[in-house]
Amino acid sequence: MSSPEVASTSKQRENVLTALGKLRMASLLLIIATLIIAISSLSLSITMFTFNILNILVTAIGLLIAILISLILIIVAVYAFLLPSAKRFAEWKSTEFSTASKLLRIGYIWGITILILALLIIIAGGVSMNIGVVFGGIAIAVIGGILFLIGYIGNIIYFFKLRDAFNSTIFLVAAILLILGIFITISQFIAWILAFIETKSIESKISSEAIQI
């Protein structure tokens, strides 16, 4: 019969592995979403030089579909995997991960919700040709943008905390790349590739007991 300490350790280990698995899946979906948009955008850019209106129109429609698919993948990545992963890490080490988890939820739940609301208000103002409503929507969008930035900062902190928890240089680099990603978008893409690789590596080390939980 296992002792309470062993059972607790085993539960924590499974919790960490689950959290890593969710983060790995979030990383993969974000990588795929970015590639879909990048490839579709490149295809449209190339097609523009053919000066064939029909081909350009078809490719543009394809890009819109690709953007829609990518948005769905991003939503699934963030809400079904990224946020739950941070929450599970917070259950494992509350002091280290609770702040990052809270900031992620503030930014990626409230921030995005407010941005969507602002977009709807701006569209309604545009349709009704009410400038006041449009400016009101823009003001709300600024608030949503600030909250979203808070969530992004939470993501950076999340990666720094993962670096500390697992002594991971890769997560340190990924966190730095996310900071650079505020100004250079491709840095975000590279950061998620590194996160995908490192989560898989850490999972293997925990499973082989090279890393003790």
N, C-alpha and C. Protein backbone atom coordinates (compact mmCIF):
# COMPACT_ATOMS: atom_id res chain seq x y z
N MET A 1 0.85 -1.20 0.00
CA MET A 1 0.00 0.00 0.00
C MET A 1 0.89 1.25 0.00
N SER A 2 0.66 2.16 -0.96
CA SER A 2 1.50 3.34 -1.09
C SER A 2 1.16 4.35 0.00
N SER A 3 2.21 5.08 0.44
CA SER A 3 2.01 6.10 1.47
C SER A 3 1.34 7.33 0.87
N PRO A 4 0.74 8.18 1.71
CA PRO A 4 0.12 9.42 1.22
C PRO A 4 1.11 10.30 0.46
N GLU A 5 2.40 10.29 0.91
CA GLU A 5 3.41 11.12 0.26
C GLU A 5 3.66 10.64 -1.15
N VAL A 6 3.75 9.32 -1.34
CA VAL A 6 3.98 8.74 -2.67
C VAL A 6 2.80 9.03 -3.58
N ALA A 7 1.58 8.87 -3.04
CA ALA A 7 0.38 9.12 -3.82
C ALA A 7 0.31 10.58 -4.25
N SER A 8 0.68 11.48 -3.32
CA SER A 8 0.66 12.91 -3.62
C SER A 8 1.67 13.25 -4.71
N THR A 9 2.87 12.66 -4.60
CA THR A 9 3.92 12.90 -5.59
C THR A 9 3.49 12.39 -6.96
N SER A 10 2.86 11.22 -6.97
CA SER A 10 2.39 10.63 -8.22
C SER A 10 1.32 11.51 -8.86
N LYS A 11 0.44 12.06 -8.04
CA LYS A 11 -0.63 12.93 -8.55
C LYS A 11 -0.03 14.21 -9.13
N GLN A 12 0.96 14.78 -8.43
CA GLN A 12 1.62 16.00 -8.91
C GLN A 12 2.33 15.74 -10.23
N ARG A 13 2.96 14.57 -10.31
CA ARG A 13 3.68 14.20 -11.53
C ARG A 13 2.74 14.11 -12.72
N GLU A 14 1.58 13.48 -12.51
CA GLU A 14 0.59 13.36 -13.57
C GLU A 14 0.03 14.72 -13.94
N ASN A 15 -0.14 15.58 -12.95
CA ASN A 15 -0.65 16.92 -13.18
C ASN A 15 0.32 17.73 -14.05
N VAL A 16 1.60 17.62 -13.74
CA VAL A 16 2.63 18.33 -14.50
C VAL A 16 2.71 17.80 -15.92
N LEU A 17 2.65 16.48 -16.07
CA LEU A 17 2.69 15.89 -17.40
C LEU A 17 1.48 16.32 -18.24
N THR A 18 0.33 16.39 -17.60
CA THR A 18 -0.88 16.86 -18.29
C THR A 18 -0.72 18.32 -18.72
N ALA A 19 -0.18 19.14 -17.82
CA ALA A 19 0.04 20.55 -18.12
C ALA A 19 1.00 20.72 -19.29
N LEU A 20 2.07 19.94 -19.27
CA LEU A 20 3.04 20.00 -20.36
C LEU A 20 2.42 19.55 -21.68
N GLY A 21 1.60 18.50 -21.61
CA GLY A 21 0.93 18.01 -22.81
C GLY A 21 0.00 19.04 -23.40
N LYS A 22 -0.72 19.77 -22.54
CA LYS A 22 -1.63 20.81 -23.02
C LYS A 22 -0.85 21.97 -23.63
N LEU A 23 0.26 22.34 -23.00
CA LEU A 23 1.08 23.42 -23.54
C LEU A 23 1.68 23.01 -24.89
N ARG A 24 2.10 21.76 -24.99
CA ARG A 24 2.66 21.26 -26.25
C ARG A 24 1.61 21.32 -27.37
N MET A 25 0.36 20.93 -27.04
CA MET A 25 -0.70 20.97 -28.04
C MET A 25 -1.03 22.41 -28.42
N ALA A 26 -1.05 23.31 -27.45
CA ALA A 26 -1.29 24.73 -27.75
C ALA A 26 -0.22 25.26 -28.69
N SER A 27 1.03 24.90 -28.41
CA SER A 27 2.14 25.35 -29.25
C SER A 27 1.99 24.83 -30.67
N LEU A 28 1.64 23.55 -30.80
CA LEU A 28 1.48 22.94 -32.13
C LEU A 28 0.38 23.62 -32.93
N LEU A 29 -0.76 23.85 -32.30
CA LEU A 29 -1.88 24.49 -33.00
C LEU A 29 -1.54 25.92 -33.41
N LEU A 30 -0.82 26.65 -32.56
CA LEU A 30 -0.43 28.01 -32.90
C LEU A 30 0.59 28.02 -34.04
N ILE A 31 1.46 27.04 -34.06
CA ILE A 31 2.42 26.91 -35.17
C ILE A 31 1.69 26.64 -36.48
N ILE A 32 0.74 25.70 -36.45
CA ILE A 32 -0.02 25.35 -37.65
C ILE A 32 -0.84 26.55 -38.14
N ALA A 33 -1.48 27.25 -37.22
CA ALA A 33 -2.30 28.42 -37.58
C ALA A 33 -1.44 29.49 -38.26
N THR A 34 -0.25 29.72 -37.72
CA THR A 34 0.65 30.72 -38.31
C THR A 34 1.10 30.30 -39.70
N LEU A 35 1.43 29.02 -39.87
CA LEU A 35 1.87 28.52 -41.17
C LEU A 35 0.77 28.63 -42.22
N ILE A 36 -0.46 28.33 -41.82
CA ILE A 36 -1.60 28.42 -42.75
C ILE A 36 -1.75 29.84 -43.29
N ILE A 37 -1.71 30.82 -42.38
CA ILE A 37 -1.84 32.22 -42.79
C ILE A 37 -0.64 32.65 -43.65
N ALA A 38 0.56 32.26 -43.24
CA ALA A 38 1.77 32.66 -43.96
C ALA A 38 1.78 32.10 -45.38
N ILE A 39 1.45 30.82 -45.51
CA ILE A 39 1.45 30.18 -46.84
C ILE A 39 0.37 30.78 -47.74
N SER A 40 -0.81 31.01 -47.17
CA SER A 40 -1.91 31.59 -47.94
C SER A 40 -1.59 33.02 -48.37
N SER A 41 -0.97 33.79 -47.47
CA SER A 41 -0.60 35.17 -47.79
C SER A 41 0.47 35.20 -48.89
N LEU A 42 1.43 34.29 -48.79
CA LEU A 42 2.49 34.20 -49.81
C LEU A 42 1.89 33.83 -51.15
N SER A 43 0.94 32.89 -51.14
CA SER A 43 0.28 32.46 -52.37
C SER A 43 -0.45 33.62 -53.03
N LEU A 44 -1.13 34.44 -52.22
CA LEU A 44 -1.84 35.60 -52.76
C LEU A 44 -0.86 36.62 -53.33
N SER A 45 0.26 36.82 -52.63
CA SER A 45 1.26 37.79 -53.11
C SER A 45 1.81 37.36 -54.46
N ILE A 46 2.08 36.07 -54.61
CA ILE A 46 2.61 35.55 -55.88
C ILE A 46 1.56 35.69 -56.98
N THR A 47 0.31 35.37 -56.64
CA THR A 47 -0.77 35.42 -57.62
C THR A 47 -1.02 36.85 -58.11
N MET A 48 -0.80 37.82 -57.24
CA MET A 48 -1.00 39.23 -57.62
C MET A 48 -0.16 39.61 -58.84
N PHE A 49 1.02 39.01 -58.95
CA PHE A 49 1.92 39.34 -60.06
C PHE A 49 1.49 38.72 -61.38
N THR A 50 0.51 37.83 -61.36
CA THR A 50 0.02 37.24 -62.61
C THR A 50 -0.98 38.18 -63.30
N PHE A 51 -1.52 39.13 -62.54
CA PHE A 51 -2.49 40.10 -63.05
C PHE A 51 -3.74 39.41 -63.63
N ASN A 52 -3.97 38.18 -63.16
CA ASN A 52 -5.16 37.44 -63.58
C ASN A 52 -6.24 37.65 -62.51
N ILE A 53 -7.26 38.43 -62.85
CA ILE A 53 -8.28 38.82 -61.87
C ILE A 53 -8.96 37.61 -61.24
N LEU A 54 -9.28 36.61 -62.07
CA LEU A 54 -9.98 35.43 -61.56
C LEU A 54 -9.11 34.67 -60.56
N ASN A 55 -7.84 34.46 -60.93
CA ASN A 55 -6.92 33.76 -60.02
C ASN A 55 -6.71 34.53 -58.72
N ILE A 56 -6.61 35.85 -58.84
CA ILE A 56 -6.42 36.68 -57.66
C ILE A 56 -7.64 36.58 -56.74
N LEU A 57 -8.84 36.63 -57.35
CA LEU A 57 -10.08 36.54 -56.57
C LEU A 57 -10.19 35.19 -55.86
N VAL A 58 -9.88 34.11 -56.57
CA VAL A 58 -9.94 32.76 -55.98
C VAL A 58 -8.93 32.64 -54.83
N THR A 59 -7.73 33.14 -55.06
CA THR A 59 -6.69 33.07 -54.03
C THR A 59 -7.05 33.91 -52.81
N ALA A 60 -7.67 35.08 -53.05
CA ALA A 60 -8.09 35.95 -51.96
C ALA A 60 -9.17 35.28 -51.11
N ILE A 61 -10.10 34.60 -51.79
CA ILE A 61 -11.13 33.86 -51.06
C ILE A 61 -10.49 32.73 -50.24
N GLY A 62 -9.49 32.08 -50.85
CA GLY A 62 -8.75 31.04 -50.14
C GLY A 62 -8.05 31.58 -48.90
N LEU A 63 -7.52 32.82 -49.02
CA LEU A 63 -6.86 33.44 -47.88
C LEU A 63 -7.85 33.72 -46.76
N LEU A 64 -9.03 34.20 -47.11
CA LEU A 64 -10.07 34.46 -46.10
C LEU A 64 -10.47 33.18 -45.38
N ILE A 65 -10.60 32.09 -46.14
CA ILE A 65 -10.93 30.79 -45.54
C ILE A 65 -9.79 30.34 -44.62
N ALA A 66 -8.55 30.55 -45.09
CA ALA A 66 -7.38 30.17 -44.29
C ALA A 66 -7.33 30.96 -42.99
N ILE A 67 -7.65 32.25 -43.06
CA ILE A 67 -7.68 33.09 -41.86
C ILE A 67 -8.73 32.59 -40.88
N LEU A 68 -9.90 32.22 -41.40
CA LEU A 68 -10.98 31.70 -40.55
C LEU A 68 -10.55 30.41 -39.85
N ILE A 69 -9.94 29.51 -40.62
CA ILE A 69 -9.46 28.25 -40.05
C ILE A 69 -8.40 28.51 -38.99
N SER A 70 -7.50 29.45 -39.29
CA SER A 70 -6.44 29.79 -38.35
C SER A 70 -7.00 30.37 -37.06
N LEU A 71 -8.02 31.23 -37.19
CA LEU A 71 -8.65 31.82 -36.00
C LEU A 71 -9.28 30.74 -35.12
N ILE A 72 -9.91 29.76 -35.76
CA ILE A 72 -10.50 28.65 -35.01
C ILE A 72 -9.41 27.87 -34.27
N LEU A 73 -8.30 27.61 -34.96
CA LEU A 73 -7.18 26.89 -34.35
C LEU A 73 -6.60 27.67 -33.18
N ILE A 74 -6.48 28.99 -33.35
CA ILE A 74 -5.94 29.84 -32.28
C ILE A 74 -6.86 29.84 -31.06
N ILE A 75 -8.17 29.93 -31.30
CA ILE A 75 -9.15 29.91 -30.21
C ILE A 75 -9.06 28.60 -29.43
N VAL A 76 -9.00 27.48 -30.17
CA VAL A 76 -8.88 26.16 -29.53
C VAL A 76 -7.57 26.07 -28.76
N ALA A 77 -6.47 26.55 -29.37
CA ALA A 77 -5.15 26.49 -28.74
C ALA A 77 -5.14 27.24 -27.41
N VAL A 78 -5.70 28.44 -27.43
CA VAL A 78 -5.66 29.30 -26.23
C VAL A 78 -6.60 28.82 -25.15
N TYR A 79 -7.88 28.57 -25.53
CA TYR A 79 -8.89 28.29 -24.50
C TYR A 79 -8.94 26.82 -24.07
N ALA A 80 -8.62 25.91 -24.97
CA ALA A 80 -8.69 24.49 -24.62
C ALA A 80 -7.37 23.95 -24.10
N PHE A 81 -6.25 24.65 -24.41
CA PHE A 81 -4.96 24.08 -24.04
C PHE A 81 -4.03 25.05 -23.28
N LEU A 82 -3.83 26.27 -23.79
CA LEU A 82 -2.87 27.18 -23.15
C LEU A 82 -3.32 27.59 -21.74
N LEU A 83 -4.54 28.11 -21.63
CA LEU A 83 -5.03 28.54 -20.32
C LEU A 83 -5.14 27.37 -19.32
N PRO A 84 -5.68 26.21 -19.73
CA PRO A 84 -5.72 25.07 -18.80
C PRO A 84 -4.33 24.60 -18.38
N SER A 85 -3.34 24.70 -19.28
CA SER A 85 -1.98 24.28 -18.91
C SER A 85 -1.43 25.17 -17.80
N ALA A 86 -1.61 26.49 -17.95
CA ALA A 86 -1.14 27.42 -16.92
C ALA A 86 -1.86 27.20 -15.60
N LYS A 87 -3.16 26.90 -15.67
CA LYS A 87 -3.94 26.65 -14.46
C LYS A 87 -3.43 25.40 -13.74
N ARG A 88 -3.08 24.37 -14.50
CA ARG A 88 -2.57 23.14 -13.86
C ARG A 88 -1.20 23.37 -13.23
N PHE A 89 -0.36 24.16 -13.89
CA PHE A 89 0.93 24.47 -13.28
C PHE A 89 0.74 25.29 -12.00
N ALA A 90 -0.28 26.16 -12.00
CA ALA A 90 -0.58 26.95 -10.80
C ALA A 90 -1.04 26.06 -9.66
N GLU A 91 -1.72 24.95 -10.00
CA GLU A 91 -2.14 23.99 -8.98
C GLU A 91 -0.93 23.25 -8.42
N TRP A 92 0.10 23.08 -9.25
CA TRP A 92 1.32 22.40 -8.84
C TRP A 92 2.19 23.32 -7.98
N LYS A 93 2.46 24.53 -8.49
CA LYS A 93 3.27 25.50 -7.77
C LYS A 93 2.56 26.85 -7.84
N SER A 94 1.70 27.08 -6.88
CA SER A 94 0.86 28.28 -6.88
C SER A 94 1.68 29.56 -6.85
N THR A 95 2.68 29.62 -5.99
CA THR A 95 3.48 30.83 -5.83
C THR A 95 4.14 31.24 -7.14
N GLU A 96 4.63 30.23 -7.89
CA GLU A 96 5.37 30.51 -9.11
C GLU A 96 4.46 30.83 -10.30
N PHE A 97 3.34 30.11 -10.41
CA PHE A 97 2.56 30.19 -11.65
C PHE A 97 1.21 30.90 -11.54
N SER A 98 0.76 31.22 -10.33
CA SER A 98 -0.59 31.80 -10.21
C SER A 98 -0.70 33.16 -10.88
N THR A 99 0.34 33.99 -10.77
CA THR A 99 0.29 35.32 -11.40
C THR A 99 0.20 35.21 -12.91
N ALA A 100 1.04 34.36 -13.49
CA ALA A 100 1.02 34.17 -14.95
C ALA A 100 -0.33 33.65 -15.41
N SER A 101 -0.89 32.70 -14.66
CA SER A 101 -2.19 32.12 -15.01
C SER A 101 -3.28 33.18 -14.97
N LYS A 102 -3.26 34.01 -13.95
CA LYS A 102 -4.29 35.07 -13.81
C LYS A 102 -4.17 36.10 -14.93
N LEU A 103 -2.93 36.51 -15.25
CA LEU A 103 -2.72 37.49 -16.31
C LEU A 103 -3.15 36.93 -17.67
N LEU A 104 -2.86 35.66 -17.90
CA LEU A 104 -3.28 35.01 -19.15
C LEU A 104 -4.80 35.04 -19.29
N ARG A 105 -5.48 34.74 -18.20
CA ARG A 105 -6.94 34.70 -18.23
C ARG A 105 -7.53 36.10 -18.41
N ILE A 106 -6.94 37.08 -17.75
CA ILE A 106 -7.41 38.46 -17.90
C ILE A 106 -7.28 38.90 -19.36
N GLY A 107 -6.12 38.65 -19.93
CA GLY A 107 -5.86 39.10 -21.29
C GLY A 107 -6.58 38.33 -22.36
N TYR A 108 -6.54 37.01 -22.25
CA TYR A 108 -7.05 36.18 -23.34
C TYR A 108 -8.52 35.82 -23.21
N ILE A 109 -9.13 36.16 -22.07
CA ILE A 109 -10.58 35.97 -21.95
C ILE A 109 -11.26 37.34 -22.01
N TRP A 110 -10.95 38.21 -21.04
CA TRP A 110 -11.60 39.52 -20.99
C TRP A 110 -11.12 40.44 -22.10
N GLY A 111 -9.81 40.43 -22.35
CA GLY A 111 -9.27 41.30 -23.40
C GLY A 111 -9.87 41.00 -24.76
N ILE A 112 -9.87 39.72 -25.13
CA ILE A 112 -10.41 39.33 -26.45
C ILE A 112 -11.91 39.56 -26.50
N THR A 113 -12.62 39.28 -25.40
CA THR A 113 -14.07 39.51 -25.37
C THR A 113 -14.40 40.98 -25.61
N ILE A 114 -13.65 41.87 -24.96
CA ILE A 114 -13.88 43.30 -25.12
C ILE A 114 -13.51 43.76 -26.53
N LEU A 115 -12.46 43.19 -27.10
CA LEU A 115 -12.07 43.53 -28.47
C LEU A 115 -13.15 43.13 -29.47
N ILE A 116 -13.73 41.96 -29.27
CA ILE A 116 -14.82 41.51 -30.15
C ILE A 116 -16.03 42.44 -30.01
N LEU A 117 -16.35 42.80 -28.76
CA LEU A 117 -17.46 43.73 -28.51
C LEU A 117 -17.20 45.07 -29.19
N ALA A 118 -15.96 45.55 -29.08
CA ALA A 118 -15.60 46.83 -29.69
C ALA A 118 -15.74 46.77 -31.21
N LEU A 119 -15.32 45.65 -31.79
CA LEU A 119 -15.43 45.49 -33.24
C LEU A 119 -16.89 45.54 -33.69
N LEU A 120 -17.75 44.88 -32.94
CA LEU A 120 -19.19 44.88 -33.26
C LEU A 120 -19.77 46.29 -33.15
N ILE A 121 -19.34 47.03 -32.13
CA ILE A 121 -19.81 48.41 -31.95
C ILE A 121 -19.35 49.30 -33.10
N ILE A 122 -18.08 49.12 -33.50
CA ILE A 122 -17.54 49.91 -34.62
C ILE A 122 -18.29 49.61 -35.91
N ILE A 123 -18.56 48.32 -36.15
CA ILE A 123 -19.30 47.94 -37.35
C ILE A 123 -20.71 48.54 -37.32
N ALA A 124 -21.36 48.45 -36.15
CA ALA A 124 -22.71 49.02 -36.01
C ALA A 124 -22.69 50.52 -36.24
N GLY A 125 -21.66 51.19 -35.71
CA GLY A 125 -21.54 52.63 -35.91
C GLY A 125 -21.30 52.99 -37.36
N GLY A 126 -20.50 52.16 -38.04
CA GLY A 126 -20.23 52.39 -39.45
C GLY A 126 -21.47 52.21 -40.31
N VAL A 127 -22.24 51.16 -40.01
CA VAL A 127 -23.45 50.88 -40.78
C VAL A 127 -24.48 52.00 -40.59
N SER A 128 -24.59 52.48 -39.35
CA SER A 128 -25.57 53.54 -39.05
C SER A 128 -25.00 54.95 -39.30
N MET A 129 -23.70 54.97 -39.70
CA MET A 129 -22.99 56.24 -39.95
C MET A 129 -23.03 57.16 -38.74
N ASN A 130 -22.88 56.54 -37.56
CA ASN A 130 -22.85 57.29 -36.31
C ASN A 130 -21.40 57.38 -35.83
N ILE A 131 -20.77 58.54 -36.05
CA ILE A 131 -19.35 58.72 -35.71
C ILE A 131 -19.11 58.54 -34.21
N GLY A 132 -20.07 58.99 -33.40
CA GLY A 132 -19.93 58.87 -31.95
C GLY A 132 -19.82 57.42 -31.51
N VAL A 133 -20.65 56.58 -32.11
CA VAL A 133 -20.61 55.15 -31.79
C VAL A 133 -19.29 54.53 -32.23
N VAL A 134 -18.82 54.96 -33.42
CA VAL A 134 -17.54 54.44 -33.93
C VAL A 134 -16.40 54.80 -32.98
N PHE A 135 -16.35 56.06 -32.55
CA PHE A 135 -15.29 56.47 -31.63
C PHE A 135 -15.42 55.79 -30.27
N GLY A 136 -16.69 55.55 -29.86
CA GLY A 136 -16.91 54.80 -28.62
C GLY A 136 -16.36 53.40 -28.73
N GLY A 137 -16.59 52.77 -29.89
CA GLY A 137 -16.05 51.42 -30.13
C GLY A 137 -14.54 51.40 -30.14
N ILE A 138 -13.95 52.45 -30.71
CA ILE A 138 -12.48 52.55 -30.74
C ILE A 138 -11.93 52.68 -29.32
N ALA A 139 -12.60 53.47 -28.50
CA ALA A 139 -12.16 53.65 -27.10
C ALA A 139 -12.22 52.33 -26.35
N ILE A 140 -13.30 51.57 -26.58
CA ILE A 140 -13.44 50.26 -25.94
C ILE A 140 -12.36 49.31 -26.45
N ALA A 141 -12.04 49.43 -27.76
CA ALA A 141 -11.00 48.58 -28.36
C ALA A 141 -9.65 48.83 -27.71
N VAL A 142 -9.39 50.09 -27.36
CA VAL A 142 -8.12 50.44 -26.69
C VAL A 142 -8.03 49.73 -25.34
N ILE A 143 -9.15 49.72 -24.61
CA ILE A 143 -9.19 49.02 -23.31
C ILE A 143 -8.96 47.53 -23.52
N GLY A 144 -9.62 46.95 -24.53
CA GLY A 144 -9.44 45.53 -24.83
C GLY A 144 -8.01 45.23 -25.23
N GLY A 145 -7.41 46.15 -25.99
CA GLY A 145 -6.02 45.97 -26.40
C GLY A 145 -5.06 45.97 -25.23
N ILE A 146 -5.32 46.86 -24.27
CA ILE A 146 -4.48 46.91 -23.06
C ILE A 146 -4.60 45.61 -22.27
N LEU A 147 -5.83 45.11 -22.15
CA LEU A 147 -6.04 43.85 -21.42
C LEU A 147 -5.37 42.69 -22.15
N PHE A 148 -5.47 42.72 -23.48
CA PHE A 148 -4.82 41.67 -24.28
C PHE A 148 -3.30 41.70 -24.07
N LEU A 149 -2.75 42.91 -24.02
CA LEU A 149 -1.30 43.05 -23.77
C LEU A 149 -0.93 42.48 -22.41
N ILE A 150 -1.82 42.67 -21.42
CA ILE A 150 -1.59 42.09 -20.10
C ILE A 150 -1.52 40.57 -20.19
N GLY A 151 -2.40 39.99 -21.00
CA GLY A 151 -2.38 38.54 -21.22
C GLY A 151 -1.09 38.10 -21.89
N TYR A 152 -0.63 38.88 -22.84
CA TYR A 152 0.63 38.57 -23.54
C TYR A 152 1.81 38.62 -22.57
N ILE A 153 1.80 39.61 -21.71
CA ILE A 153 2.84 39.71 -20.67
C ILE A 153 2.77 38.49 -19.75
N GLY A 154 1.54 38.07 -19.45
CA GLY A 154 1.36 36.86 -18.65
C GLY A 154 1.98 35.65 -19.32
N ASN A 155 1.89 35.60 -20.65
CA ASN A 155 2.49 34.49 -21.40
C ASN A 155 4.01 34.51 -21.28
N ILE A 156 4.57 35.72 -21.33
CA ILE A 156 6.02 35.87 -21.18
C ILE A 156 6.46 35.41 -19.79
N ILE A 157 5.72 35.86 -18.77
CA ILE A 157 6.02 35.45 -17.39
C ILE A 157 5.90 33.93 -17.25
N TYR A 158 4.88 33.37 -17.89
CA TYR A 158 4.65 31.92 -17.87
C TYR A 158 5.88 31.17 -18.35
N PHE A 159 6.46 31.62 -19.46
CA PHE A 159 7.65 30.97 -20.01
C PHE A 159 8.86 31.15 -19.09
N PHE A 160 8.98 32.33 -18.49
CA PHE A 160 10.09 32.54 -17.55
C PHE A 160 9.96 31.62 -16.34
N LYS A 161 8.74 31.43 -15.85
CA LYS A 161 8.51 30.54 -14.71
C LYS A 161 8.77 29.08 -15.07
N LEU A 162 8.45 28.70 -16.31
CA LEU A 162 8.76 27.35 -16.77
C LEU A 162 10.27 27.15 -16.85
N ARG A 163 10.96 28.20 -17.22
CA ARG A 163 12.42 28.16 -17.25
C ARG A 163 12.96 27.86 -15.84
N ASP A 164 12.41 28.57 -14.84
CA ASP A 164 12.85 28.39 -13.46
C ASP A 164 12.48 27.01 -12.93
N ALA A 165 11.26 26.56 -13.24
CA ALA A 165 10.77 25.29 -12.70
C ALA A 165 11.56 24.10 -13.23
N PHE A 166 11.98 24.17 -14.50
CA PHE A 166 12.66 23.02 -15.11
C PHE A 166 14.10 23.32 -15.51
N ASN A 167 14.61 24.49 -15.06
CA ASN A 167 15.98 24.89 -15.40
C ASN A 167 16.20 24.80 -16.91
N SER A 168 15.26 25.36 -17.65
CA SER A 168 15.24 25.23 -19.11
C SER A 168 15.74 26.49 -19.81
N THR A 169 16.87 26.36 -20.48
CA THR A 169 17.40 27.47 -21.27
C THR A 169 16.50 27.76 -22.47
N ILE A 170 15.88 26.69 -23.00
CA ILE A 170 15.00 26.84 -24.17
C ILE A 170 13.80 27.73 -23.84
N PHE A 171 13.20 27.52 -22.67
CA PHE A 171 12.07 28.36 -22.28
C PHE A 171 12.52 29.80 -22.01
N LEU A 172 13.74 29.98 -21.55
CA LEU A 172 14.29 31.32 -21.36
C LEU A 172 14.38 32.03 -22.71
N VAL A 173 14.90 31.32 -23.70
CA VAL A 173 15.00 31.89 -25.05
C VAL A 173 13.62 32.18 -25.62
N ALA A 174 12.67 31.25 -25.39
CA ALA A 174 11.30 31.44 -25.88
C ALA A 174 10.66 32.67 -25.25
N ALA A 175 10.90 32.89 -23.96
CA ALA A 175 10.35 34.06 -23.28
C ALA A 175 10.93 35.35 -23.88
N ILE A 176 12.23 35.35 -24.13
CA ILE A 176 12.88 36.52 -24.73
C ILE A 176 12.33 36.77 -26.13
N LEU A 177 12.11 35.69 -26.88
CA LEU A 177 11.56 35.83 -28.24
C LEU A 177 10.14 36.39 -28.21
N LEU A 178 9.36 36.02 -27.17
CA LEU A 178 8.02 36.59 -27.04
C LEU A 178 8.09 38.10 -26.78
N ILE A 179 9.10 38.52 -26.02
CA ILE A 179 9.29 39.96 -25.78
C ILE A 179 9.60 40.66 -27.11
N LEU A 180 10.51 40.07 -27.88
CA LEU A 180 10.85 40.62 -29.19
C LEU A 180 9.65 40.56 -30.13
N GLY A 181 8.77 39.56 -29.88
CA GLY A 181 7.60 39.37 -30.73
C GLY A 181 6.62 40.52 -30.70
N ILE A 182 6.73 41.38 -29.68
CA ILE A 182 5.88 42.58 -29.63
C ILE A 182 6.20 43.49 -30.81
N PHE A 183 7.47 43.42 -31.26
CA PHE A 183 7.91 44.28 -32.36
C PHE A 183 8.18 43.48 -33.64
N ILE A 184 8.61 42.22 -33.48
CA ILE A 184 8.95 41.39 -34.64
C ILE A 184 8.09 40.13 -34.57
N THR A 185 7.06 40.05 -35.40
CA THR A 185 6.05 38.99 -35.31
C THR A 185 6.64 37.59 -35.44
N ILE A 186 7.62 37.42 -36.31
CA ILE A 186 8.17 36.08 -36.55
C ILE A 186 8.82 35.51 -35.29
N SER A 187 9.22 36.37 -34.37
CA SER A 187 9.83 35.90 -33.12
C SER A 187 8.83 35.08 -32.31
N GLN A 188 7.55 35.46 -32.38
CA GLN A 188 6.51 34.71 -31.68
C GLN A 188 6.42 33.29 -32.24
N PHE A 189 6.47 33.20 -33.55
CA PHE A 189 6.40 31.90 -34.24
C PHE A 189 7.54 30.99 -33.78
N ILE A 190 8.75 31.54 -33.74
CA ILE A 190 9.92 30.76 -33.31
C ILE A 190 9.78 30.36 -31.84
N ALA A 191 9.24 31.27 -31.03
CA ALA A 191 9.05 30.98 -29.60
C ALA A 191 8.15 29.77 -29.39
N TRP A 192 7.07 29.68 -30.18
CA TRP A 192 6.15 28.55 -30.03
C TRP A 192 6.75 27.25 -30.55
N ILE A 193 7.61 27.35 -31.55
CA ILE A 193 8.33 26.15 -32.01
C ILE A 193 9.23 25.62 -30.89
N LEU A 194 9.96 26.53 -30.25
CA LEU A 194 10.83 26.14 -29.13
C LEU A 194 10.02 25.57 -27.98
N ALA A 195 8.86 26.18 -27.70
CA ALA A 195 8.01 25.68 -26.62
C ALA A 195 7.53 24.26 -26.92
N PHE A 196 7.16 24.01 -28.17
CA PHE A 196 6.72 22.66 -28.56
C PHE A 196 7.84 21.64 -28.36
N ILE A 197 9.03 21.99 -28.81
CA ILE A 197 10.18 21.08 -28.68
C ILE A 197 10.53 20.82 -27.22
N GLU A 198 10.55 21.90 -26.43
CA GLU A 198 10.99 21.77 -25.04
C GLU A 198 9.98 21.05 -24.16
N THR A 199 8.68 21.28 -24.39
CA THR A 199 7.68 20.56 -23.59
C THR A 199 7.79 19.05 -23.81
N LYS A 200 8.01 18.67 -25.06
CA LYS A 200 8.17 17.25 -25.38
C LYS A 200 9.41 16.67 -24.70
N SER A 201 10.49 17.46 -24.70
CA SER A 201 11.74 17.03 -24.06
C SER A 201 11.57 16.86 -22.56
N ILE A 202 10.92 17.83 -21.93
CA ILE A 202 10.72 17.78 -20.47
C ILE A 202 9.79 16.63 -20.10
N GLU A 203 8.75 16.39 -20.90
CA GLU A 203 7.85 15.26 -20.67
C GLU A 203 8.64 13.95 -20.64
N SER A 204 9.54 13.80 -21.61
CA SER A 204 10.35 12.57 -21.70
C SER A 204 11.25 12.43 -20.48
N LYS A 205 11.82 13.54 -20.03
CA LYS A 205 12.72 13.50 -18.87
C LYS A 205 11.96 13.16 -17.59
N ILE A 206 10.74 13.68 -17.46
CA ILE A 206 9.93 13.36 -16.28
C ILE A 206 9.52 11.90 -16.31
N SER A 207 9.12 11.42 -17.48
CA SER A 207 8.69 10.02 -17.63
C SER A 207 9.83 9.06 -17.32
N SER A 208 11.07 9.45 -17.70
CA SER A 208 12.22 8.59 -17.43
C SER A 208 12.85 8.87 -16.07
N GLU A 209 12.21 9.80 -15.31
CA GLU A 209 12.64 10.20 -13.98
C GLU A 209 13.99 10.91 -13.97
N ALA A 210 14.38 11.46 -15.13
CA ALA A 210 15.59 12.29 -15.17
C ALA A 210 15.30 13.62 -14.47
N ILE A 211 14.03 14.02 -14.49
CA ILE A 211 13.57 15.17 -13.73
C ILE A 211 12.58 14.66 -12.69
N GLN A 212 12.84 15.00 -11.42
CA GLN A 212 11.98 14.54 -10.33
C GLN A 212 10.93 15.61 -10.03
N ILE A 213 9.71 15.16 -9.87
CA ILE A 213 8.60 16.05 -9.52
C ILE A 213 8.17 15.78 -8.07
